[in-house]
């Protein structure tokens, strides 16, 4: 576990759990954090080998995406309260 400028980062197997401030959420996802008085599972970041393929699939599906910080954010919708972010990532060692 380590402290960052936006919150706390915890290693969890092959991924990370980030507990971030509303400002940290906006910086990472490119949209405001959900309004809540208690902690919420607000977003998930998914690594993929080819971001261009994900972008083409989302475009073909008619999804609105935010291109932000080198990744793609699929904003929260009424049927999915969690923001999804796709980033290109290489193989993990």
PDB file of N, CA and C in Angstrom:
ATOM      1  N   UNK A   1       0.846  -1.161   0.000  1.00  0.00           N
ATOM      2  CA  UNK A   1       0.000   0.000   0.000  1.00  0.00           C
ATOM      3  C   UNK A   1       0.899   1.233   0.000  1.00  0.00           C
ATOM      4  N   UNK A   2       0.519   2.238  -0.801  1.00  0.00           N
ATOM      5  CA  UNK A   2       1.303   3.467  -0.790  1.00  0.00           C
ATOM      6  C   UNK A   2       0.391   4.666  -0.989  1.00  0.00           C
ATOM      7  N   UNK A   3       0.838   5.770  -0.491  1.00  0.00           N
ATOM      8  CA  UNK A   3       0.111   7.032  -0.615  1.00  0.00           C
ATOM      9  C   UNK A   3       0.516   7.725  -1.903  1.00  0.00           C
ATOM     10  N   UNK A   4      -0.465   8.307  -2.605  1.00  0.00           N
ATOM     11  CA  UNK A   4      -0.201   9.078  -3.817  1.00  0.00           C
ATOM     12  C   UNK A   4      -0.751  10.480  -3.618  1.00  0.00           C
ATOM     13  N   UNK A   5      -0.524  11.341  -4.585  1.00  0.00           N
ATOM     14  CA  UNK A   5      -1.026  12.716  -4.466  1.00  0.00           C
ATOM     15  C   UNK A   5      -2.551  12.784  -4.507  1.00  0.00           C
ATOM     16  N   UNK A   6      -3.205  11.732  -5.021  1.00  0.00           N
ATOM     17  CA  UNK A   6      -4.665  11.737  -5.103  1.00  0.00           C
ATOM     18  C   UNK A   6      -5.344  10.783  -4.137  1.00  0.00           C
ATOM     19  N   UNK A   7      -4.581   9.955  -3.419  1.00  0.00           N
ATOM     20  CA  UNK A   7      -5.208   9.014  -2.501  1.00  0.00           C
ATOM     21  C   UNK A   7      -4.290   7.892  -2.098  1.00  0.00           C
ATOM     22  N   UNK A   8      -4.818   6.659  -2.136  1.00  0.00           N
ATOM     23  CA  UNK A   8      -4.092   5.471  -1.709  1.00  0.00           C
ATOM     24  C   UNK A   8      -4.126   4.436  -2.825  1.00  0.00           C
ATOM     25  N   UNK A   9      -3.003   3.762  -3.031  1.00  0.00           N
ATOM     26  CA  UNK A   9      -2.887   2.717  -4.046  1.00  0.00           C
ATOM     27  C   UNK A   9      -2.548   1.405  -3.342  1.00  0.00           C
ATOM     28  N   UNK A  10      -3.293   0.338  -3.660  1.00  0.00           N
ATOM     29  CA  UNK A  10      -3.095  -0.965  -3.035  1.00  0.00           C
ATOM     30  C   UNK A  10      -2.894  -2.008  -4.130  1.00  0.00           C
ATOM     31  N   UNK A  11      -1.783  -2.768  -4.056  1.00  0.00           N
ATOM     32  CA  UNK A  11      -1.562  -3.851  -5.018  1.00  0.00           C
ATOM     33  C   UNK A  11      -2.520  -4.990  -4.708  1.00  0.00           C
ATOM     34  N   UNK A  12      -3.125  -5.533  -5.771  1.00  0.00           N
ATOM     35  CA  UNK A  12      -4.100  -6.605  -5.604  1.00  0.00           C
ATOM     36  C   UNK A  12      -3.915  -7.630  -6.721  1.00  0.00           C
ATOM     37  N   UNK A  13      -3.028  -8.566  -6.523  1.00  0.00           N
ATOM     38  CA  UNK A  13      -2.786  -9.583  -7.549  1.00  0.00           C
ATOM     39  C   UNK A  13      -2.221  -8.965  -8.811  1.00  0.00           C
ATOM     40  N   UNK A  14      -2.927  -9.108  -9.912  1.00  0.00           N
ATOM     41  CA  UNK A  14      -2.488  -8.559 -11.195  1.00  0.00           C
ATOM     42  C   UNK A  14      -2.938  -7.117 -11.406  1.00  0.00           C
ATOM     43  N   UNK A  15      -3.612  -6.532 -10.443  1.00  0.00           N
ATOM     44  CA  UNK A  15      -4.117  -5.176 -10.612  1.00  0.00           C
ATOM     45  C   UNK A  15      -3.830  -4.300  -9.418  1.00  0.00           C
ATOM     46  N   UNK A  16      -4.413  -3.123  -9.452  1.00  0.00           N
ATOM     47  CA  UNK A  16      -4.290  -2.147  -8.370  1.00  0.00           C
ATOM     48  C   UNK A  16      -5.670  -1.667  -7.974  1.00  0.00           C
ATOM     49  N   UNK A  17      -5.819  -1.362  -6.716  1.00  0.00           N
ATOM     50  CA  UNK A  17      -7.024  -0.696  -6.228  1.00  0.00           C
ATOM     51  C   UNK A  17      -6.595   0.700  -5.827  1.00  0.00           C
ATOM     52  N   UNK A  18      -7.219   1.698  -6.423  1.00  0.00           N
ATOM     53  CA  UNK A  18      -6.929   3.095  -6.100  1.00  0.00           C
ATOM     54  C   UNK A  18      -8.119   3.696  -5.378  1.00  0.00           C
ATOM     55  N   UNK A  19      -7.859   4.238  -4.223  1.00  0.00           N
ATOM     56  CA  UNK A  19      -8.868   4.988  -3.484  1.00  0.00           C
ATOM     57  C   UNK A  19      -8.473   6.443  -3.672  1.00  0.00           C
ATOM     58  N   UNK A  20      -9.270   7.159  -4.461  1.00  0.00           N
ATOM     59  CA  UNK A  20      -8.864   8.500  -4.883  1.00  0.00           C
ATOM     60  C   UNK A  20      -9.870   9.565  -4.479  1.00  0.00           C
ATOM     61  N   UNK A  21      -9.377  10.781  -4.438  1.00  0.00           N
ATOM     62  CA  UNK A  21     -10.214  11.946  -4.176  1.00  0.00           C
ATOM     63  C   UNK A  21     -11.048  12.247  -5.425  1.00  0.00           C
ATOM     64  N   UNK A  22     -12.085  13.073  -5.296  1.00  0.00           N
ATOM     65  CA  UNK A  22     -12.843  13.487  -6.483  1.00  0.00           C
ATOM     66  C   UNK A  22     -11.948  14.136  -7.544  1.00  0.00           C
ATOM     67  N   UNK A  23     -10.939  14.873  -7.108  1.00  0.00           N
ATOM     68  CA  UNK A  23     -10.021  15.507  -8.057  1.00  0.00           C
ATOM     69  C   UNK A  23      -9.187  14.457  -8.792  1.00  0.00           C
ATOM     70  N   UNK A  24      -8.752  13.439  -8.068  1.00  0.00           N
ATOM     71  CA  UNK A  24      -7.992  12.354  -8.675  1.00  0.00           C
ATOM     72  C   UNK A  24      -8.831  11.579  -9.682  1.00  0.00           C
ATOM     73  N   UNK A  25     -10.104  11.373  -9.356  1.00  0.00           N
ATOM     74  CA  UNK A  25     -11.002  10.681 -10.279  1.00  0.00           C
ATOM     75  C   UNK A  25     -11.150  11.479 -11.569  1.00  0.00           C
ATOM     76  N   UNK A  26     -11.392  12.781 -11.447  1.00  0.00           N
ATOM     77  CA  UNK A  26     -11.559  13.638 -12.631  1.00  0.00           C
ATOM     78  C   UNK A  26     -10.288  13.656 -13.475  1.00  0.00           C
ATOM     79  N   UNK A  27      -9.124  13.676 -12.837  1.00  0.00           N
ATOM     80  CA  UNK A  27      -7.859  13.677 -13.562  1.00  0.00           C
ATOM     81  C   UNK A  27      -7.692  12.385 -14.357  1.00  0.00           C
ATOM     82  N   UNK A  28      -7.998  11.254 -13.741  1.00  0.00           N
ATOM     83  CA  UNK A  28      -7.814   9.964 -14.415  1.00  0.00           C
ATOM     84  C   UNK A  28      -8.869   9.694 -15.473  1.00  0.00           C
ATOM     85  N   UNK A  29     -10.134   9.934 -15.159  1.00  0.00           N
ATOM     86  CA  UNK A  29     -11.219   9.525 -16.049  1.00  0.00           C
ATOM     87  C   UNK A  29     -11.704  10.612 -17.004  1.00  0.00           C
ATOM     88  N   UNK A  30     -11.362  11.863 -16.742  1.00  0.00           N
ATOM     89  CA  UNK A  30     -11.784  12.928 -17.646  1.00  0.00           C
ATOM     90  C   UNK A  30     -13.237  13.326 -17.496  1.00  0.00           C
ATOM     91  N   UNK A  31     -13.841  12.947 -16.394  1.00  0.00           N
ATOM     92  CA  UNK A  31     -15.213  13.351 -16.071  1.00  0.00           C
ATOM     93  C   UNK A  31     -15.326  13.467 -14.555  1.00  0.00           C
ATOM     94  N   UNK A  32     -16.288  14.241 -14.083  1.00  0.00           N
ATOM     95  CA  UNK A  32     -16.399  14.436 -12.633  1.00  0.00           C
ATOM     96  C   UNK A  32     -16.705  13.134 -11.891  1.00  0.00           C
ATOM     97  N   UNK A  33     -16.235  13.062 -10.669  1.00  0.00           N
ATOM     98  CA  UNK A  33     -16.567  11.933  -9.805  1.00  0.00           C
ATOM     99  C   UNK A  33     -18.053  11.978  -9.479  1.00  0.00           C
ATOM    100  N   UNK A  34     -18.676  10.818  -9.254  1.00  0.00           N
ATOM    101  CA  UNK A  34     -20.090  10.838  -8.887  1.00  0.00           C
ATOM    102  C   UNK A  34     -20.279  11.512  -7.531  1.00  0.00           C
ATOM    103  N   UNK A  35     -21.374  12.224  -7.389  1.00  0.00           N
ATOM    104  CA  UNK A  35     -21.687  12.876  -6.117  1.00  0.00           C
ATOM    105  C   UNK A  35     -22.155  11.801  -5.135  1.00  0.00           C
ATOM    106  N   UNK A  36     -21.476  11.716  -3.998  1.00  0.00           N
ATOM    107  CA  UNK A  36     -21.824  10.726  -2.993  1.00  0.00           C
ATOM    108  C   UNK A  36     -21.245  11.159  -1.655  1.00  0.00           C
ATOM    109  N   UNK A  37     -22.001  10.907  -0.597  1.00  0.00           N
ATOM    110  CA  UNK A  37     -21.504  11.230   0.741  1.00  0.00           C
ATOM    111  C   UNK A  37     -20.720  10.074   1.346  1.00  0.00           C
ATOM    112  N   UNK A  38     -20.773   8.914   0.707  1.00  0.00           N
ATOM    113  CA  UNK A  38     -20.038   7.742   1.168  1.00  0.00           C
ATOM    114  C   UNK A  38     -19.171   7.218   0.020  1.00  0.00           C
ATOM    115  N   UNK A  39     -18.151   6.433   0.317  1.00  0.00           N
ATOM    116  CA  UNK A  39     -17.317   5.877  -0.760  1.00  0.00           C
ATOM    117  C   UNK A  39     -18.145   5.020  -1.720  1.00  0.00           C
ATOM    118  N   UNK A  40     -17.819   5.094  -3.006  1.00  0.00           N
ATOM    119  CA  UNK A  40     -18.504   4.304  -4.025  1.00  0.00           C
ATOM    120  C   UNK A  40     -17.483   3.690  -4.976  1.00  0.00           C
ATOM    121  N   UNK A  41     -17.859   2.586  -5.619  1.00  0.00           N
ATOM    122  CA  UNK A  41     -17.045   1.991  -6.672  1.00  0.00           C
ATOM    123  C   UNK A  41     -17.376   2.769  -7.937  1.00  0.00           C
ATOM    124  N   UNK A  42     -16.578   3.786  -8.229  1.00  0.00           N
ATOM    125  CA  UNK A  42     -16.923   4.746  -9.267  1.00  0.00           C
ATOM    126  C   UNK A  42     -16.348   4.432 -10.628  1.00  0.00           C
ATOM    127  N   UNK A  43     -15.220   3.739 -10.693  1.00  0.00           N
ATOM    128  CA  UNK A  43     -14.605   3.503 -11.992  1.00  0.00           C
ATOM    129  C   UNK A  43     -13.683   2.310 -11.993  1.00  0.00           C
ATOM    130  N   UNK A  44     -13.453   1.795 -13.187  1.00  0.00           N
ATOM    131  CA  UNK A  44     -12.511   0.699 -13.360  1.00  0.00           C
ATOM    132  C   UNK A  44     -11.682   0.986 -14.608  1.00  0.00           C
ATOM    133  N   UNK A  45     -10.398   0.743 -14.510  1.00  0.00           N
ATOM    134  CA  UNK A  45      -9.488   0.955 -15.629  1.00  0.00           C
ATOM    135  C   UNK A  45      -9.054  -0.420 -16.134  1.00  0.00           C
ATOM    136  N   UNK A  46      -9.222  -0.640 -17.435  1.00  0.00           N
ATOM    137  CA  UNK A  46      -8.959  -1.933 -18.044  1.00  0.00           C
ATOM    138  C   UNK A  46      -7.811  -1.798 -19.037  1.00  0.00           C
ATOM    139  N   UNK A  47      -6.774  -2.583 -18.846  1.00  0.00           N
ATOM    140  CA  UNK A  47      -5.644  -2.588 -19.770  1.00  0.00           C
ATOM    141  C   UNK A  47      -5.945  -3.472 -20.967  1.00  0.00           C
ATOM    142  N   UNK A  48      -5.559  -3.022 -22.144  1.00  0.00           N
ATOM    143  CA  UNK A  48      -5.760  -3.807 -23.360  1.00  0.00           C
ATOM    144  C   UNK A  48      -4.520  -3.709 -24.230  1.00  0.00           C
ATOM    145  N   UNK A  49      -4.325  -4.699 -25.084  1.00  0.00           N
ATOM    146  CA  UNK A  49      -3.114  -4.720 -25.902  1.00  0.00           C
ATOM    147  C   UNK A  49      -3.196  -3.762 -27.087  1.00  0.00           C
ATOM    148  N   UNK A  50      -4.414  -3.505 -27.587  1.00  0.00           N
ATOM    149  CA  UNK A  50      -4.555  -2.588 -28.732  1.00  0.00           C
ATOM    150  C   UNK A  50      -5.750  -1.677 -28.517  1.00  0.00           C
ATOM    151  N   UNK A  51      -5.480  -0.484 -28.064  1.00  0.00           N
ATOM    152  CA  UNK A  51      -6.521   0.489 -27.777  1.00  0.00           C
ATOM    153  C   UNK A  51      -7.327   0.825 -29.032  1.00  0.00           C
ATOM    154  N   UNK A  52      -6.684   0.804 -30.191  1.00  0.00           N
ATOM    155  CA  UNK A  52      -7.382   1.131 -31.441  1.00  0.00           C
ATOM    156  C   UNK A  52      -8.516   0.142 -31.730  1.00  0.00           C
ATOM    157  N   UNK A  53      -8.340  -1.116 -31.356  1.00  0.00           N
ATOM    158  CA  UNK A  53      -9.388  -2.115 -31.565  1.00  0.00           C
ATOM    159  C   UNK A  53     -10.573  -1.827 -30.646  1.00  0.00           C
ATOM    160  N   UNK A  54     -10.298  -1.503 -29.390  1.00  0.00           N
ATOM    161  CA  UNK A  54     -11.367  -1.159 -28.445  1.00  0.00           C
ATOM    162  C   UNK A  54     -12.120   0.072 -28.941  1.00  0.00           C
ATOM    163  N   UNK A  55     -11.374   1.083 -29.398  1.00  0.00           N
ATOM    164  CA  UNK A  55     -12.000   2.308 -29.901  1.00  0.00           C
ATOM    165  C   UNK A  55     -12.904   2.013 -31.093  1.00  0.00           C
ATOM    166  N   UNK A  56     -12.459   1.176 -32.010  1.00  0.00           N
ATOM    167  CA  UNK A  56     -13.271   0.821 -33.177  1.00  0.00           C
ATOM    168  C   UNK A  56     -14.548   0.097 -32.759  1.00  0.00           C
ATOM    169  N   UNK A  57     -14.437  -0.813 -31.788  1.00  0.00           N
ATOM    170  CA  UNK A  57     -15.614  -1.548 -31.305  1.00  0.00           C
ATOM    171  C   UNK A  57     -16.615  -0.618 -30.628  1.00  0.00           C
ATOM    172  N   UNK A  58     -16.114   0.295 -29.798  1.00  0.00           N
ATOM    173  CA  UNK A  58     -17.004   1.244 -29.120  1.00  0.00           C
ATOM    174  C   UNK A  58     -17.672   2.176 -30.125  1.00  0.00           C
ATOM    175  N   UNK A  59     -16.899   2.639 -31.116  1.00  0.00           N
ATOM    176  CA  UNK A  59     -17.474   3.493 -32.161  1.00  0.00           C
ATOM    177  C   UNK A  59     -18.542   2.747 -32.951  1.00  0.00           C
ATOM    178  N   UNK A  60     -18.271   1.500 -33.306  1.00  0.00           N
ATOM    179  CA  UNK A  60     -19.232   0.693 -34.064  1.00  0.00           C
ATOM    180  C   UNK A  60     -20.515   0.457 -33.268  1.00  0.00           C
ATOM    181  N   UNK A  61     -20.378   0.386 -31.949  1.00  0.00           N
ATOM    182  CA  UNK A  61     -21.545   0.189 -31.080  1.00  0.00           C
ATOM    183  C   UNK A  61     -22.288   1.488 -30.804  1.00  0.00           C
ATOM    184  N   UNK A  62     -21.762   2.592 -31.327  1.00  0.00           N
ATOM    185  CA  UNK A  62     -22.414   3.885 -31.120  1.00  0.00           C
ATOM    186  C   UNK A  62     -22.193   4.481 -29.744  1.00  0.00           C
ATOM    187  N   UNK A  63     -21.179   4.002 -29.040  1.00  0.00           N
ATOM    188  CA  UNK A  63     -20.887   4.504 -27.696  1.00  0.00           C
ATOM    189  C   UNK A  63     -20.169   5.845 -27.765  1.00  0.00           C
ATOM    190  N   UNK A  64     -20.517   6.729 -26.873  1.00  0.00           N
ATOM    191  CA  UNK A  64     -19.821   7.998 -26.736  1.00  0.00           C
ATOM    192  C   UNK A  64     -18.635   7.782 -25.813  1.00  0.00           C
ATOM    193  N   UNK A  65     -17.448   8.144 -26.269  1.00  0.00           N
ATOM    194  CA  UNK A  65     -16.263   7.985 -25.444  1.00  0.00           C
ATOM    195  C   UNK A  65     -15.563   9.322 -25.280  1.00  0.00           C
ATOM    196  N   UNK A  66     -14.848   9.443 -24.184  1.00  0.00           N
ATOM    197  CA  UNK A  66     -14.019  10.612 -23.923  1.00  0.00           C
ATOM    198  C   UNK A  66     -12.583  10.170 -24.154  1.00  0.00           C
ATOM    199  N   UNK A  67     -11.901  10.827 -25.072  1.00  0.00           N
ATOM    200  CA  UNK A  67     -10.480  10.553 -25.296  1.00  0.00           C
ATOM    201  C   UNK A  67      -9.717  11.470 -24.347  1.00  0.00           C
ATOM    202  N   UNK A  68      -9.027  10.854 -23.393  1.00  0.00           N
ATOM    203  CA  UNK A  68      -8.434  11.635 -22.309  1.00  0.00           C
ATOM    204  C   UNK A  68      -7.181  10.935 -21.792  1.00  0.00           C
ATOM    205  N   UNK A  69      -6.107  11.672 -21.657  1.00  0.00           N
ATOM    206  CA  UNK A  69      -4.893  11.164 -21.022  1.00  0.00           C
ATOM    207  C   UNK A  69      -4.342   9.895 -21.640  1.00  0.00           C
ATOM    208  N   UNK A  70      -4.456   9.741 -22.945  1.00  0.00           N
ATOM    209  CA  UNK A  70      -3.916   8.571 -23.612  1.00  0.00           C
ATOM    210  C   UNK A  70      -4.801   7.349 -23.540  1.00  0.00           C
ATOM    211  N   UNK A  71      -6.020   7.493 -23.038  1.00  0.00           N
ATOM    212  CA  UNK A  71      -6.935   6.357 -22.942  1.00  0.00           C
ATOM    213  C   UNK A  71      -8.321   6.748 -23.422  1.00  0.00           C
ATOM    214  N   UNK A  72      -9.256   5.828 -23.269  1.00  0.00           N
ATOM    215  CA  UNK A  72     -10.649   6.047 -23.638  1.00  0.00           C
ATOM    216  C   UNK A  72     -11.517   5.840 -22.414  1.00  0.00           C
ATOM    217  N   UNK A  73     -12.389   6.795 -22.135  1.00  0.00           N
ATOM    218  CA  UNK A  73     -13.311   6.675 -21.012  1.00  0.00           C
ATOM    219  C   UNK A  73     -14.724   6.526 -21.536  1.00  0.00           C
ATOM    220  N   UNK A  74     -15.411   5.503 -21.074  1.00  0.00           N
ATOM    221  CA  UNK A  74     -16.820   5.296 -21.364  1.00  0.00           C
ATOM    222  C   UNK A  74     -17.576   5.826 -20.152  1.00  0.00           C
ATOM    223  N   UNK A  75     -18.225   6.989 -20.288  1.00  0.00           N
ATOM    224  CA  UNK A  75     -18.856   7.638 -19.129  1.00  0.00           C
ATOM    225  C   UNK A  75     -19.951   6.782 -18.484  1.00  0.00           C
ATOM    226  N   UNK A  76     -20.237   7.117 -17.217  1.00  0.00           N
ATOM    227  CA  UNK A  76     -21.337   6.466 -16.498  1.00  0.00           C
ATOM    228  C   UNK A  76     -22.631   6.647 -17.269  1.00  0.00           C
ATOM    229  N   UNK A  77     -23.470   5.616 -17.203  1.00  0.00           N
ATOM    230  CA  UNK A  77     -24.807   5.677 -17.795  1.00  0.00           C
ATOM    231  C   UNK A  77     -25.781   5.204 -16.732  1.00  0.00           C
ATOM    232  N   UNK A  78     -27.067   5.479 -16.922  1.00  0.00           N
ATOM    233  CA  UNK A  78     -28.043   5.011 -15.921  1.00  0.00           C
ATOM    234  C   UNK A  78     -28.022   3.499 -15.714  1.00  0.00           C
ATOM    235  N   UNK A  79     -27.725   2.723 -16.773  1.00  0.00           N
ATOM    236  CA  UNK A  79     -27.717   1.266 -16.636  1.00  0.00           C
ATOM    237  C   UNK A  79     -26.385   0.706 -16.144  1.00  0.00           C
ATOM    238  N   UNK A  80     -25.357   1.562 -16.055  1.00  0.00           N
ATOM    239  CA  UNK A  80     -24.042   1.142 -15.570  1.00  0.00           C
ATOM    240  C   UNK A  80     -23.467   2.312 -14.780  1.00  0.00           C
ATOM    241  N   UNK A  81     -23.537   2.233 -13.482  1.00  0.00           N
ATOM    242  CA  UNK A  81     -23.148   3.362 -12.630  1.00  0.00           C
ATOM    243  C   UNK A  81     -21.636   3.531 -12.503  1.00  0.00           C
ATOM    244  N   UNK A  82     -20.875   2.649 -13.121  1.00  0.00           N
ATOM    245  CA  UNK A  82     -19.420   2.695 -13.024  1.00  0.00           C
ATOM    246  C   UNK A  82     -18.817   3.210 -14.321  1.00  0.00           C
ATOM    247  N   UNK A  83     -17.886   4.145 -14.220  1.00  0.00           N
ATOM    248  CA  UNK A  83     -17.165   4.651 -15.382  1.00  0.00           C
ATOM    249  C   UNK A  83     -16.111   3.621 -15.786  1.00  0.00           C
ATOM    250  N   UNK A  84     -16.009   3.353 -17.083  1.00  0.00           N
ATOM    251  CA  UNK A  84     -14.998   2.421 -17.600  1.00  0.00           C
ATOM    252  C   UNK A  84     -13.936   3.204 -18.340  1.00  0.00           C
ATOM    253  N   UNK A  85     -12.682   2.852 -18.107  1.00  0.00           N
ATOM    254  CA  UNK A  85     -11.560   3.496 -18.807  1.00  0.00           C
ATOM    255  C   UNK A  85     -10.681   2.408 -19.396  1.00  0.00           C
ATOM    256  N   UNK A  86     -10.334   2.557 -20.659  1.00  0.00           N
ATOM    257  CA  UNK A  86      -9.486   1.601 -21.356  1.00  0.00           C
ATOM    258  C   UNK A  86      -8.144   2.273 -21.644  1.00  0.00           C
ATOM    259  N   UNK A  87      -7.071   1.592 -21.301  1.00  0.00           N
ATOM    260  CA  UNK A  87      -5.714   2.088 -21.560  1.00  0.00           C
ATOM    261  C   UNK A  87      -4.924   0.974 -22.223  1.00  0.00           C
ATOM    262  N   UNK A  88      -3.988   1.385 -23.054  1.00  0.00           N
ATOM    263  CA  UNK A  88      -3.118   0.399 -23.692  1.00  0.00           C
ATOM    264  C   UNK A  88      -2.045  -0.008 -22.700  1.00  0.00           C
ATOM    265  N   UNK A  89      -1.831  -1.304 -22.577  1.00  0.00           N
ATOM    266  CA  UNK A  89      -0.826  -1.795 -21.645  1.00  0.00           C
ATOM    267  C   UNK A  89      -0.087  -2.968 -22.268  1.00  0.00           C
ATOM    268  N   UNK A  90       1.177  -3.082 -21.921  1.00  0.00           N
ATOM    269  CA  UNK A  90       1.984  -4.196 -22.395  1.00  0.00           C
ATOM    270  C   UNK A  90       1.849  -5.365 -21.456  1.00  0.00           C
ATOM    271  N   UNK A  91       2.535  -6.449 -21.756  1.00  0.00           N
ATOM    272  CA  UNK A  91       2.491  -7.609 -20.859  1.00  0.00           C
ATOM    273  C   UNK A  91       3.120  -7.288 -19.519  1.00  0.00           C
ATOM    274  N   UNK A  92       2.531  -7.851 -18.466  1.00  0.00           N
ATOM    275  CA  UNK A  92       3.075  -7.655 -17.102  1.00  0.00           C
ATOM    276  C   UNK A  92       4.157  -8.676 -16.851  1.00  0.00           C
ATOM    277  N   UNK A  93       5.191  -8.228 -16.162  1.00  0.00           N
ATOM    278  CA  UNK A  93       6.304  -9.140 -15.836  1.00  0.00           C
ATOM    279  C   UNK A  93       5.975  -9.966 -14.619  1.00  0.00           C
TER     280      UNK A  93
END
